[in-house]
Amino acid sequence: MTASVNLLVDLMEAFVSGRDRSMAHVDRIEGLLIEHFQDSELFEELSPAVASYRPGGGDHLLDEEDLASEFRYALRRLLEEGDVGADSA
């Protein structure tokens, strides 16, 4: 796996585990997706969820558990399939 995939896995695992579910953390994940995964299926799948996240949720927003569920699914795919279209960074 590339360094960007490894970093994405680490960041999503930190969110799923509850170590960091802050907006700043999710913003970092979003930035990584934009910078390194923009031409991938992973970007297409995660971007709407990440953009819809707010701690505590709300109307038409994802809360912590909703986004953790999205990340769990993405992590399974990443760990099973390896590189999912990330650039070589």
C-alpha atoms as a PDB file:
ATOM      1  CA  MET A   1       0.000   0.000   0.000  1.00  0.00           C
ATOM      2  CA  THR A   2       1.124   3.541  -0.629  1.00  0.00           C
ATOM      3  CA  ALA A   3       1.942   6.015   2.115  1.00  0.00           C
ATOM      4  CA  SER A   4      -1.301   7.897   1.441  1.00  0.00           C
ATOM      5  CA  VAL A   5      -3.346   4.689   1.789  1.00  0.00           C
ATOM      6  CA  ASN A   6      -1.557   3.851   5.046  1.00  0.00           C
ATOM      7  CA  LEU A   7      -2.250   7.337   6.400  1.00  0.00           C
ATOM      8  CA  LEU A   8      -5.907   7.148   5.382  1.00  0.00           C
ATOM      9  CA  VAL A   9      -6.240   3.771   7.122  1.00  0.00           C
ATOM     10  CA  ASP A  10      -4.641   5.190  10.290  1.00  0.00           C
ATOM     11  CA  LEU A  11      -6.916   8.241  10.285  1.00  0.00           C
ATOM     12  CA  MET A  12     -10.084   6.237   9.698  1.00  0.00           C
ATOM     13  CA  GLU A  13      -9.094   3.703  12.382  1.00  0.00           C
ATOM     14  CA  ALA A  14      -8.604   6.567  14.856  1.00  0.00           C
ATOM     15  CA  PHE A  15     -12.121   7.796  14.078  1.00  0.00           C
ATOM     16  CA  VAL A  16     -13.720   4.346  14.261  1.00  0.00           C
ATOM     17  CA  SER A  17     -12.028   3.579  17.591  1.00  0.00           C
ATOM     18  CA  GLY A  18     -13.249   6.861  19.040  1.00  0.00           C
ATOM     19  CA  ARG A  19      -9.745   8.244  19.609  1.00  0.00           C
ATOM     20  CA  ASP A  20     -10.536  11.300  17.487  1.00  0.00           C
ATOM     21  CA  ARG A  21     -13.954  12.174  16.102  1.00  0.00           C
ATOM     22  CA  SER A  22     -13.388  15.906  15.887  1.00  0.00           C
ATOM     23  CA  MET A  23     -14.240  18.037  12.880  1.00  0.00           C
ATOM     24  CA  ALA A  24     -10.531  18.828  12.500  1.00  0.00           C
ATOM     25  CA  HIS A  25      -9.763  15.115  12.209  1.00  0.00           C
ATOM     26  CA  VAL A  26     -12.501  14.560   9.628  1.00  0.00           C
ATOM     27  CA  ASP A  27     -11.293  17.644   7.747  1.00  0.00           C
ATOM     28  CA  ARG A  28      -7.848  16.043   7.561  1.00  0.00           C
ATOM     29  CA  ILE A  29      -9.400  12.862   6.138  1.00  0.00           C
ATOM     30  CA  GLU A  30     -11.336  14.941   3.616  1.00  0.00           C
ATOM     31  CA  GLY A  31      -8.178  16.777   2.564  1.00  0.00           C
ATOM     32  CA  LEU A  32      -6.326  13.506   2.093  1.00  0.00           C
ATOM     33  CA  LEU A  33      -9.179  12.131  -0.014  1.00  0.00           C
ATOM     34  CA  ILE A  34      -9.146  15.232  -2.216  1.00  0.00           C
ATOM     35  CA  GLU A  35      -5.375  15.336  -2.576  1.00  0.00           C
ATOM     36  CA  HIS A  36      -4.624  11.648  -3.148  1.00  0.00           C
ATOM     37  CA  PHE A  37      -7.818   9.775  -4.028  1.00  0.00           C
ATOM     38  CA  GLN A  38      -9.846  12.162  -6.183  1.00  0.00           C
ATOM     39  CA  ASP A  39      -9.948   9.820  -9.193  1.00  0.00           C
ATOM     40  CA  SER A  40     -10.908   6.716  -7.191  1.00  0.00           C
ATOM     41  CA  GLU A  41     -14.083   4.898  -6.234  1.00  0.00           C
ATOM     42  CA  LEU A  42     -13.120   5.438  -2.612  1.00  0.00           C
ATOM     43  CA  PHE A  43     -13.345   9.203  -3.123  1.00  0.00           C
ATOM     44  CA  GLU A  44     -16.762   8.843  -4.734  1.00  0.00           C
ATOM     45  CA  GLU A  45     -17.986   6.662  -1.864  1.00  0.00           C
ATOM     46  CA  LEU A  46     -16.585   8.603   1.095  1.00  0.00           C
ATOM     47  CA  SER A  47     -16.777  12.232  -0.007  1.00  0.00           C
ATOM     48  CA  PRO A  48     -20.546  12.650   0.529  1.00  0.00           C
ATOM     49  CA  ALA A  49     -20.341  11.003   3.955  1.00  0.00           C
ATOM     50  CA  VAL A  50     -17.364  13.082   5.081  1.00  0.00           C
ATOM     51  CA  ALA A  51     -18.975  16.291   3.818  1.00  0.00           C
ATOM     52  CA  SER A  52     -22.197  15.434   5.690  1.00  0.00           C
ATOM     53  CA  TYR A  53     -20.533  14.761   9.041  1.00  0.00           C
ATOM     54  CA  ARG A  54     -21.154  16.898  12.099  1.00  0.00           C
ATOM     55  CA  PRO A  55     -20.612  15.757  15.679  1.00  0.00           C
ATOM     56  CA  GLY A  56     -24.065  14.988  17.023  1.00  0.00           C
ATOM     57  CA  GLY A  57     -25.553  14.772  13.521  1.00  0.00           C
ATOM     58  CA  GLY A  58     -28.699  16.706  12.684  1.00  0.00           C
ATOM     59  CA  ASP A  59     -31.105  17.057   9.798  1.00  0.00           C
ATOM     60  CA  HIS A  60     -29.508  15.503   6.702  1.00  0.00           C
ATOM     61  CA  LEU A  61     -26.191  15.114   8.563  1.00  0.00           C
ATOM     62  CA  LEU A  62     -24.237  12.070   9.693  1.00  0.00           C
ATOM     63  CA  ASP A  63     -23.309  11.640  13.344  1.00  0.00           C
ATOM     64  CA  GLU A  64     -20.286   9.836  14.792  1.00  0.00           C
ATOM     65  CA  GLU A  65     -21.714   6.335  14.507  1.00  0.00           C
ATOM     66  CA  ASP A  66     -22.987   6.894  10.965  1.00  0.00           C
ATOM     67  CA  LEU A  67     -19.575   8.013   9.749  1.00  0.00           C
ATOM     68  CA  ALA A  68     -17.810   5.282  11.733  1.00  0.00           C
ATOM     69  CA  SER A  69     -19.982   2.758   9.891  1.00  0.00           C
ATOM     70  CA  GLU A  70     -18.975   4.254   6.518  1.00  0.00           C
ATOM     71  CA  PHE A  71     -15.319   4.132   7.543  1.00  0.00           C
ATOM     72  CA  ARG A  72     -15.580   0.496   8.728  1.00  0.00           C
ATOM     73  CA  TYR A  73     -16.865  -0.503   5.311  1.00  0.00           C
ATOM     74  CA  ALA A  74     -14.120   1.479   3.556  1.00  0.00           C
ATOM     75  CA  LEU A  75     -11.453  -0.014   5.831  1.00  0.00           C
ATOM     76  CA  ARG A  76     -12.596  -3.541   5.008  1.00  0.00           C
ATOM     77  CA  ARG A  77     -12.292  -2.752   1.308  1.00  0.00           C
ATOM     78  CA  LEU A  78      -8.900  -1.089   1.687  1.00  0.00           C
ATOM     79  CA  LEU A  79      -7.456  -3.920   3.744  1.00  0.00           C
ATOM     80  CA  GLU A  80      -8.876  -6.618   1.451  1.00  0.00           C
ATOM     81  CA  GLU A  81      -8.130  -4.939  -1.883  1.00  0.00           C
ATOM     82  CA  GLY A  82      -5.015  -2.924  -1.020  1.00  0.00           C
ATOM     83  CA  ASP A  83      -4.410   0.164  -3.131  1.00  0.00           C
ATOM     84  CA  VAL A  84      -7.691   1.649  -4.358  1.00  0.00           C
ATOM     85  CA  GLY A  85      -6.532   4.238  -6.811  1.00  0.00           C
ATOM     86  CA  ALA A  86      -4.417   6.477  -4.613  1.00  0.00           C
ATOM     87  CA  ASP A  87      -1.593   8.398  -6.195  1.00  0.00           C
ATOM     88  CA  SER A  88       1.935   7.275  -5.440  1.00  0.00           C
ATOM     89  CA  ALA A  89       2.562   9.730  -2.566  1.00  0.00           C
END
